[in-house]
């Protein structure tokens, strides 16, 4: 079942390539532009930016206050654009599938709800992980390692099961985490296998682009490295759409 879900998510993206490209273009532009802008407003070179991308402390120590402000704005903008992409794709697939419908801006309220539920899920996972670490810390060796491994596996299943509420929030049908947990009952093993498949797939997608980027001039590397980042985001969003469509709406997997 996990493999069927993953393949179905890919098929949905492949079947609407024009729409996917149009919806993803703002995110592509932001991801590509960020390293160039960061290099222009800090004392870091483009190569240093790429090797330390995502390390805010590194950038902060080497940038002016104005430069840090620009980078912060870009980070917020990337978050907003990613939310917009996720909500737009969920709505495009789950509401009508009509390409014209996806041209409208997703309601701001749906994006806020999406972000809110994402934060709630994050808090739930932090609590689970915290309790797991606490329990592991009082166990004798080698039980702590086994306990942490079990907590990670359980957290992955919880994440996928609860994340089904995100597409629901995008289309205005979120009924709470309790309802989501009930609707995905009996899927724990499937969710764990789906997480494994996704992780391997994301690694396979990223690897060749990383090697190819190393062989190209540094000036064009941000463009190449943006491709796997956007692909991974799209696949993840499509997986959530598939999970909601199958387990909540009862749609068949192609």
C-alpha atoms as a PDB file:
ATOM      1  CA  UNK A   1       0.000   0.000   0.000  1.00  0.00           C
ATOM      2  CA  UNK A   2       2.819   2.427   0.841  1.00  0.00           C
ATOM      3  CA  UNK A   3       4.355   1.936  -2.592  1.00  0.00           C
ATOM      4  CA  UNK A   4       0.974   2.474  -4.295  1.00  0.00           C
ATOM      5  CA  UNK A   5       0.517   5.731  -2.382  1.00  0.00           C
ATOM      6  CA  UNK A   6       3.956   6.957  -3.388  1.00  0.00           C
ATOM      7  CA  UNK A   7       3.488   6.026  -7.054  1.00  0.00           C
ATOM      8  CA  UNK A   8       0.030   7.626  -7.128  1.00  0.00           C
ATOM      9  CA  UNK A   9       1.506  10.870  -5.774  1.00  0.00           C
ATOM     10  CA  UNK A  10       4.076  10.860  -8.582  1.00  0.00           C
ATOM     11  CA  UNK A  11       1.416  10.118 -11.197  1.00  0.00           C
ATOM     12  CA  UNK A  12      -0.651  13.092 -10.066  1.00  0.00           C
ATOM     13  CA  UNK A  13       2.324  15.410 -10.535  1.00  0.00           C
ATOM     14  CA  UNK A  14       3.244  13.903 -13.885  1.00  0.00           C
ATOM     15  CA  UNK A  15      -0.331  14.121 -15.119  1.00  0.00           C
ATOM     16  CA  UNK A  16      -0.519  17.865 -14.464  1.00  0.00           C
ATOM     17  CA  UNK A  17       2.981  18.979 -15.426  1.00  0.00           C
ATOM     18  CA  UNK A  18       1.941  22.389 -16.781  1.00  0.00           C
ATOM     19  CA  UNK A  19      -0.010  23.218 -13.638  1.00  0.00           C
ATOM     20  CA  UNK A  20       2.772  21.920 -11.392  1.00  0.00           C
ATOM     21  CA  UNK A  21       5.354  24.086 -13.151  1.00  0.00           C
ATOM     22  CA  UNK A  22       3.167  27.183 -12.938  1.00  0.00           C
ATOM     23  CA  UNK A  23       2.368  26.689  -9.267  1.00  0.00           C
ATOM     24  CA  UNK A  24       5.971  25.854  -8.381  1.00  0.00           C
ATOM     25  CA  UNK A  25       7.579  28.728 -10.298  1.00  0.00           C
ATOM     26  CA  UNK A  26       7.429  31.283  -7.423  1.00  0.00           C
ATOM     27  CA  UNK A  27       9.163  28.791  -5.104  1.00  0.00           C
ATOM     28  CA  UNK A  28      11.782  28.011  -7.746  1.00  0.00           C
ATOM     29  CA  UNK A  29      12.550  31.714  -8.148  1.00  0.00           C
ATOM     30  CA  UNK A  30      12.873  32.284  -4.398  1.00  0.00           C
ATOM     31  CA  UNK A  31      15.108  29.243  -3.829  1.00  0.00           C
ATOM     32  CA  UNK A  32      17.369  30.165  -6.748  1.00  0.00           C
ATOM     33  CA  UNK A  33      17.575  33.850  -5.795  1.00  0.00           C
ATOM     34  CA  UNK A  34      18.282  33.384  -2.075  1.00  0.00           C
ATOM     35  CA  UNK A  35      21.986  32.328  -2.312  1.00  0.00           C
ATOM     36  CA  UNK A  36      22.782  35.146  -4.768  1.00  0.00           C
ATOM     37  CA  UNK A  37      21.062  37.752  -2.578  1.00  0.00           C
ATOM     38  CA  UNK A  38      22.687  36.367   0.585  1.00  0.00           C
ATOM     39  CA  UNK A  39      26.128  36.584  -1.039  1.00  0.00           C
ATOM     40  CA  UNK A  40      25.489  40.193  -2.074  1.00  0.00           C
ATOM     41  CA  UNK A  41      24.408  41.399   1.388  1.00  0.00           C
ATOM     42  CA  UNK A  42      26.979  39.540   3.525  1.00  0.00           C
ATOM     43  CA  UNK A  43      30.738  39.075   3.499  1.00  0.00           C
ATOM     44  CA  UNK A  44      30.302  35.417   2.544  1.00  0.00           C
ATOM     45  CA  UNK A  45      31.080  34.182  -0.948  1.00  0.00           C
ATOM     46  CA  UNK A  46      28.510  32.283  -2.985  1.00  0.00           C
ATOM     47  CA  UNK A  47      30.471  29.085  -2.321  1.00  0.00           C
ATOM     48  CA  UNK A  48      30.358  29.697   1.432  1.00  0.00           C
ATOM     49  CA  UNK A  49      26.640  30.442   1.264  1.00  0.00           C
ATOM     50  CA  UNK A  50      25.944  27.168  -0.520  1.00  0.00           C
ATOM     51  CA  UNK A  51      28.068  25.116   1.884  1.00  0.00           C
ATOM     52  CA  UNK A  52      26.448  26.732   4.939  1.00  0.00           C
ATOM     53  CA  UNK A  53      22.961  27.252   3.530  1.00  0.00           C
ATOM     54  CA  UNK A  54      20.409  27.068   6.271  1.00  0.00           C
ATOM     55  CA  UNK A  55      22.965  27.975   8.961  1.00  0.00           C
ATOM     56  CA  UNK A  56      21.556  31.293  10.148  1.00  0.00           C
ATOM     57  CA  UNK A  57      24.316  31.766  12.730  1.00  0.00           C
ATOM     58  CA  UNK A  58      27.020  31.601  10.062  1.00  0.00           C
ATOM     59  CA  UNK A  59      25.246  34.186   7.946  1.00  0.00           C
ATOM     60  CA  UNK A  60      24.480  36.429  10.914  1.00  0.00           C
ATOM     61  CA  UNK A  61      28.123  36.608  11.972  1.00  0.00           C
ATOM     62  CA  UNK A  62      29.153  37.723   8.489  1.00  0.00           C
ATOM     63  CA  UNK A  63      26.411  40.118   7.460  1.00  0.00           C
ATOM     64  CA  UNK A  64      25.383  43.676   8.160  1.00  0.00           C
ATOM     65  CA  UNK A  65      22.139  44.322  10.063  1.00  0.00           C
ATOM     66  CA  UNK A  66      20.517  45.418   6.818  1.00  0.00           C
ATOM     67  CA  UNK A  67      21.782  42.296   5.064  1.00  0.00           C
ATOM     68  CA  UNK A  68      20.419  40.035   7.788  1.00  0.00           C
ATOM     69  CA  UNK A  69      17.098  41.809   7.457  1.00  0.00           C
ATOM     70  CA  UNK A  70      17.012  41.052   3.734  1.00  0.00           C
ATOM     71  CA  UNK A  71      17.819  37.375   4.359  1.00  0.00           C
ATOM     72  CA  UNK A  72      15.125  37.185   7.041  1.00  0.00           C
ATOM     73  CA  UNK A  73      12.579  38.661   4.628  1.00  0.00           C
ATOM     74  CA  UNK A  74      13.606  36.103   1.984  1.00  0.00           C
ATOM     75  CA  UNK A  75      13.188  33.255   4.501  1.00  0.00           C
ATOM     76  CA  UNK A  76       9.695  34.472   5.416  1.00  0.00           C
ATOM     77  CA  UNK A  77       8.850  34.900   1.740  1.00  0.00           C
ATOM     78  CA  UNK A  78       9.997  31.345   1.015  1.00  0.00           C
ATOM     79  CA  UNK A  79       7.774  30.057   3.827  1.00  0.00           C
ATOM     80  CA  UNK A  80       4.774  31.958   2.460  1.00  0.00           C
ATOM     81  CA  UNK A  81       5.390  30.768  -1.092  1.00  0.00           C
ATOM     82  CA  UNK A  82       5.769  27.163   0.089  1.00  0.00           C
ATOM     83  CA  UNK A  83       2.484  27.426   2.003  1.00  0.00           C
ATOM     84  CA  UNK A  84       0.838  28.897  -1.078  1.00  0.00           C
ATOM     85  CA  UNK A  85       2.131  26.043  -3.254  1.00  0.00           C
ATOM     86  CA  UNK A  86       0.946  23.369  -0.815  1.00  0.00           C
ATOM     87  CA  UNK A  87      -2.521  24.849  -0.368  1.00  0.00           C
ATOM     88  CA  UNK A  88      -2.915  25.547  -4.099  1.00  0.00           C
ATOM     89  CA  UNK A  89      -1.974  21.969  -5.069  1.00  0.00           C
ATOM     90  CA  UNK A  90      -4.217  20.390  -2.438  1.00  0.00           C
ATOM     91  CA  UNK A  91      -7.133  22.524  -3.620  1.00  0.00           C
ATOM     92  CA  UNK A  92      -6.416  21.878  -7.286  1.00  0.00           C
ATOM     93  CA  UNK A  93      -6.510  18.099  -6.804  1.00  0.00           C
ATOM     94  CA  UNK A  94      -9.140  17.725  -4.105  1.00  0.00           C
ATOM     95  CA  UNK A  95     -11.701  20.364  -5.048  1.00  0.00           C
ATOM     96  CA  UNK A  96     -12.084  20.293  -8.786  1.00  0.00           C
ATOM     97  CA  UNK A  97      -8.973  19.297 -10.717  1.00  0.00           C
ATOM     98  CA  UNK A  98      -9.857  22.143 -13.056  1.00  0.00           C
ATOM     99  CA  UNK A  99      -6.778  24.037 -14.159  1.00  0.00           C
ATOM    100  CA  UNK A 100      -8.715  27.285 -14.184  1.00  0.00           C
ATOM    101  CA  UNK A 101      -9.591  26.865 -10.506  1.00  0.00           C
ATOM    102  CA  UNK A 102      -5.934  26.695  -9.479  1.00  0.00           C
ATOM    103  CA  UNK A 103      -5.223  30.091 -11.036  1.00  0.00           C
ATOM    104  CA  UNK A 104      -7.068  31.830  -8.227  1.00  0.00           C
ATOM    105  CA  UNK A 105      -5.078  32.750  -5.154  1.00  0.00           C
ATOM    106  CA  UNK A 106      -5.732  30.281  -2.309  1.00  0.00           C
ATOM    107  CA  UNK A 107      -7.635  32.076   0.481  1.00  0.00           C
ATOM    108  CA  UNK A 108      -5.299  33.574   3.067  1.00  0.00           C
ATOM    109  CA  UNK A 109      -7.369  31.930   5.783  1.00  0.00           C
ATOM    110  CA  UNK A 110      -6.605  28.486   4.370  1.00  0.00           C
ATOM    111  CA  UNK A 111      -2.877  29.239   4.377  1.00  0.00           C
ATOM    112  CA  UNK A 112      -3.031  30.456   7.969  1.00  0.00           C
ATOM    113  CA  UNK A 113      -4.948  27.329   8.984  1.00  0.00           C
ATOM    114  CA  UNK A 114      -2.375  25.181   7.184  1.00  0.00           C
ATOM    115  CA  UNK A 115       0.471  26.879   9.042  1.00  0.00           C
ATOM    116  CA  UNK A 116      -1.391  26.640  12.340  1.00  0.00           C
ATOM    117  CA  UNK A 117      -2.028  22.906  12.063  1.00  0.00           C
ATOM    118  CA  UNK A 118       1.593  22.386  10.967  1.00  0.00           C
ATOM    119  CA  UNK A 119       2.754  24.063  14.167  1.00  0.00           C
ATOM    120  CA  UNK A 120       0.345  21.975  16.248  1.00  0.00           C
ATOM    121  CA  UNK A 121       1.699  18.775  14.697  1.00  0.00           C
ATOM    122  CA  UNK A 122       5.215  19.997  15.385  1.00  0.00           C
ATOM    123  CA  UNK A 123       4.390  20.549  19.050  1.00  0.00           C
ATOM    124  CA  UNK A 124       2.862  17.068  19.314  1.00  0.00           C
ATOM    125  CA  UNK A 125       5.996  15.518  17.840  1.00  0.00           C
ATOM    126  CA  UNK A 126       8.230  17.538  20.155  1.00  0.00           C
ATOM    127  CA  UNK A 127       6.265  16.265  23.150  1.00  0.00           C
ATOM    128  CA  UNK A 128       6.540  12.654  21.946  1.00  0.00           C
ATOM    129  CA  UNK A 129      10.271  12.987  21.299  1.00  0.00           C
ATOM    130  CA  UNK A 130      10.817  14.733  24.625  1.00  0.00           C
ATOM    131  CA  UNK A 131       9.015  12.031  26.566  1.00  0.00           C
ATOM    132  CA  UNK A 132      10.924   9.385  24.627  1.00  0.00           C
ATOM    133  CA  UNK A 133      14.284  10.939  25.472  1.00  0.00           C
ATOM    134  CA  UNK A 134      13.222  11.280  29.112  1.00  0.00           C
ATOM    135  CA  UNK A 135      12.302   7.609  29.344  1.00  0.00           C
ATOM    136  CA  UNK A 136      15.458   6.557  27.498  1.00  0.00           C
ATOM    137  CA  UNK A 137      17.627   8.542  29.900  1.00  0.00           C
ATOM    138  CA  UNK A 138      16.577   6.409  32.870  1.00  0.00           C
ATOM    139  CA  UNK A 139      17.008   3.035  31.158  1.00  0.00           C
ATOM    140  CA  UNK A 140      20.167   0.930  31.474  1.00  0.00           C
ATOM    141  CA  UNK A 141      22.302   0.305  28.339  1.00  0.00           C
ATOM    142  CA  UNK A 142      21.630  -0.744  25.632  1.00  0.00           C
ATOM    143  CA  UNK A 143      17.921  -0.023  26.144  1.00  0.00           C
ATOM    144  CA  UNK A 144      18.229   3.767  25.559  1.00  0.00           C
ATOM    145  CA  UNK A 145      19.269   3.211  21.943  1.00  0.00           C
ATOM    146  CA  UNK A 146      16.361   0.840  21.367  1.00  0.00           C
ATOM    147  CA  UNK A 147      13.959   3.235  23.068  1.00  0.00           C
ATOM    148  CA  UNK A 148      15.087   6.216  20.959  1.00  0.00           C
ATOM    149  CA  UNK A 149      14.794   4.127  17.783  1.00  0.00           C
ATOM    150  CA  UNK A 150      11.270   3.091  18.739  1.00  0.00           C
ATOM    151  CA  UNK A 151      10.321   6.711  19.477  1.00  0.00           C
ATOM    152  CA  UNK A 152      11.649   7.859  16.095  1.00  0.00           C
ATOM    153  CA  UNK A 153       9.690   5.174  14.250  1.00  0.00           C
ATOM    154  CA  UNK A 154       6.543   5.989  16.223  1.00  0.00           C
ATOM    155  CA  UNK A 155       7.019   9.730  15.602  1.00  0.00           C
ATOM    156  CA  UNK A 156       7.259   9.143  11.859  1.00  0.00           C
ATOM    157  CA  UNK A 157       3.970   7.233  11.888  1.00  0.00           C
ATOM    158  CA  UNK A 158       2.334   9.936  14.005  1.00  0.00           C
ATOM    159  CA  UNK A 159       3.597  12.653  11.665  1.00  0.00           C
ATOM    160  CA  UNK A 160       2.139  11.057   8.545  1.00  0.00           C
ATOM    161  CA  UNK A 161      -1.143  10.163  10.222  1.00  0.00           C
ATOM    162  CA  UNK A 162      -1.686  13.615  11.690  1.00  0.00           C
ATOM    163  CA  UNK A 163      -0.457  15.430   8.563  1.00  0.00           C
ATOM    164  CA  UNK A 164      -3.555  14.229   6.733  1.00  0.00           C
ATOM    165  CA  UNK A 165      -5.225  17.195   8.429  1.00  0.00           C
ATOM    166  CA  UNK A 166      -3.145  19.603   6.331  1.00  0.00           C
ATOM    167  CA  UNK A 167      -4.909  18.946   2.997  1.00  0.00           C
ATOM    168  CA  UNK A 168      -8.179  19.081   4.956  1.00  0.00           C
ATOM    169  CA  UNK A 169      -7.202  22.528   6.241  1.00  0.00           C
ATOM    170  CA  UNK A 170      -6.359  23.622   2.692  1.00  0.00           C
ATOM    171  CA  UNK A 171      -9.895  22.902   1.519  1.00  0.00           C
ATOM    172  CA  UNK A 172     -11.632  24.035   4.704  1.00  0.00           C
ATOM    173  CA  UNK A 173     -12.594  20.605   6.044  1.00  0.00           C
ATOM    174  CA  UNK A 174     -10.262  20.150   9.025  1.00  0.00           C
ATOM    175  CA  UNK A 175     -12.145  18.521  11.901  1.00  0.00           C
ATOM    176  CA  UNK A 176      -9.324  18.202  14.429  1.00  0.00           C
ATOM    177  CA  UNK A 177      -6.480  15.827  15.154  1.00  0.00           C
ATOM    178  CA  UNK A 178      -8.778  13.315  16.867  1.00  0.00           C
ATOM    179  CA  UNK A 179     -10.853  12.867  13.724  1.00  0.00           C
ATOM    180  CA  UNK A 180      -7.709  12.632  11.605  1.00  0.00           C
ATOM    181  CA  UNK A 181      -6.230   9.996  13.893  1.00  0.00           C
ATOM    182  CA  UNK A 182      -9.440   7.970  13.673  1.00  0.00           C
ATOM    183  CA  UNK A 183      -9.639   8.243   9.879  1.00  0.00           C
ATOM    184  CA  UNK A 184      -6.103   6.897   9.533  1.00  0.00           C
ATOM    185  CA  UNK A 185      -6.458   4.104  12.067  1.00  0.00           C
ATOM    186  CA  UNK A 186      -4.746   0.875  11.085  1.00  0.00           C
ATOM    187  CA  UNK A 187      -2.223   2.642   8.839  1.00  0.00           C
ATOM    188  CA  UNK A 188       0.778   2.824  11.178  1.00  0.00           C
ATOM    189  CA  UNK A 189       2.858   0.231   9.326  1.00  0.00           C
ATOM    190  CA  UNK A 190       1.920   1.761   5.975  1.00  0.00           C
ATOM    191  CA  UNK A 191       2.984   5.209   7.164  1.00  0.00           C
ATOM    192  CA  UNK A 192       6.347   3.917   8.402  1.00  0.00           C
ATOM    193  CA  UNK A 193       6.999   2.148   5.095  1.00  0.00           C
ATOM    194  CA  UNK A 194       5.908   5.276   3.217  1.00  0.00           C
ATOM    195  CA  UNK A 195       8.401   7.323   5.216  1.00  0.00           C
ATOM    196  CA  UNK A 196      11.182   4.862   4.358  1.00  0.00           C
ATOM    197  CA  UNK A 197      10.287   4.899   0.663  1.00  0.00           C
ATOM    198  CA  UNK A 198      10.114   8.687   0.627  1.00  0.00           C
ATOM    199  CA  UNK A 199      13.444   9.100   2.407  1.00  0.00           C
ATOM    200  CA  UNK A 200      15.214   6.780  -0.018  1.00  0.00           C
ATOM    201  CA  UNK A 201      13.562   8.472  -3.001  1.00  0.00           C
ATOM    202  CA  UNK A 202      14.516  11.951  -1.786  1.00  0.00           C
ATOM    203  CA  UNK A 203      18.120  10.825  -1.333  1.00  0.00           C
ATOM    204  CA  UNK A 204      18.199   9.309  -4.823  1.00  0.00           C
ATOM    205  CA  UNK A 205      16.757  12.523  -6.290  1.00  0.00           C
ATOM    206  CA  UNK A 206      19.261  14.774  -4.516  1.00  0.00           C
ATOM    207  CA  UNK A 207      22.416  12.715  -5.089  1.00  0.00           C
ATOM    208  CA  UNK A 208      22.963  13.176  -8.859  1.00  0.00           C
ATOM    209  CA  UNK A 209      22.218  16.899  -8.695  1.00  0.00           C
ATOM    210  CA  UNK A 210      24.790  17.283  -5.935  1.00  0.00           C
ATOM    211  CA  UNK A 211      27.456  15.497  -7.943  1.00  0.00           C
ATOM    212  CA  UNK A 212      26.588  17.439 -11.110  1.00  0.00           C
ATOM    213  CA  UNK A 213      26.670  20.755  -9.263  1.00  0.00           C
ATOM    214  CA  UNK A 214      30.211  20.020  -8.052  1.00  0.00           C
ATOM    215  CA  UNK A 215      31.331  19.712 -11.676  1.00  0.00           C
ATOM    216  CA  UNK A 216      29.803  23.034 -12.733  1.00  0.00           C
ATOM    217  CA  UNK A 217      30.909  26.623 -12.073  1.00  0.00           C
ATOM    218  CA  UNK A 218      29.814  27.938  -8.681  1.00  0.00           C
ATOM    219  CA  UNK A 219      27.784  30.701 -10.336  1.00  0.00           C
ATOM    220  CA  UNK A 220      25.238  28.242 -11.757  1.00  0.00           C
ATOM    221  CA  UNK A 221      25.093  25.806  -8.847  1.00  0.00           C
ATOM    222  CA  UNK A 222      22.127  27.487  -7.072  1.00  0.00           C
ATOM    223  CA  UNK A 223      20.003  26.966 -10.165  1.00  0.00           C
ATOM    224  CA  UNK A 224      20.844  23.275 -10.351  1.00  0.00           C
ATOM    225  CA  UNK A 225      20.501  22.658  -6.611  1.00  0.00           C
ATOM    226  CA  UNK A 226      17.059  24.270  -6.578  1.00  0.00           C
ATOM    227  CA  UNK A 227      15.670  21.466  -8.746  1.00  0.00           C
ATOM    228  CA  UNK A 228      15.819  18.624  -6.173  1.00  0.00           C
ATOM    229  CA  UNK A 229      14.603  20.942  -3.405  1.00  0.00           C
ATOM    230  CA  UNK A 230      11.486  21.840  -5.353  1.00  0.00           C
ATOM    231  CA  UNK A 231      10.930  18.247  -6.525  1.00  0.00           C
ATOM    232  CA  UNK A 232      11.107  16.963  -2.954  1.00  0.00           C
ATOM    233  CA  UNK A 233       8.671  19.633  -1.776  1.00  0.00           C
ATOM    234  CA  UNK A 234       6.236  18.786  -4.580  1.00  0.00           C
ATOM    235  CA  UNK A 235       6.401  15.048  -3.924  1.00  0.00           C
ATOM    236  CA  UNK A 236       5.864  15.561  -0.202  1.00  0.00           C
ATOM    237  CA  UNK A 237       2.845  17.788  -0.843  1.00  0.00           C
ATOM    238  CA  UNK A 238       1.444  15.308  -3.358  1.00  0.00           C
ATOM    239  CA  UNK A 239       1.859  12.429  -0.878  1.00  0.00           C
ATOM    240  CA  UNK A 240      -0.236  14.305   1.685  1.00  0.00           C
ATOM    241  CA  UNK A 241      -2.856  14.996  -0.978  1.00  0.00           C
ATOM    242  CA  UNK A 242      -2.948  11.293  -1.837  1.00  0.00           C
ATOM    243  CA  UNK A 243      -3.271  10.265   1.812  1.00  0.00           C
ATOM    244  CA  UNK A 244      -6.232  12.581   2.343  1.00  0.00           C
ATOM    245  CA  UNK A 245      -7.927  11.575  -0.890  1.00  0.00           C
ATOM    246  CA  UNK A 246      -7.542   7.861  -0.168  1.00  0.00           C
ATOM    247  CA  UNK A 247      -8.128   7.546   3.564  1.00  0.00           C
ATOM    248  CA  UNK A 248     -10.614  10.375   4.126  1.00  0.00           C
ATOM    249  CA  UNK A 249     -12.458  10.684   0.819  1.00  0.00           C
ATOM    250  CA  UNK A 250     -12.125   7.029  -0.155  1.00  0.00           C
ATOM    251  CA  UNK A 251     -10.571   7.678  -3.567  1.00  0.00           C
ATOM    252  CA  UNK A 252      -9.025   4.746  -5.370  1.00  0.00           C
ATOM    253  CA  UNK A 253      -5.294   4.634  -6.018  1.00  0.00           C
ATOM    254  CA  UNK A 254      -4.429   4.435  -9.689  1.00  0.00           C
END
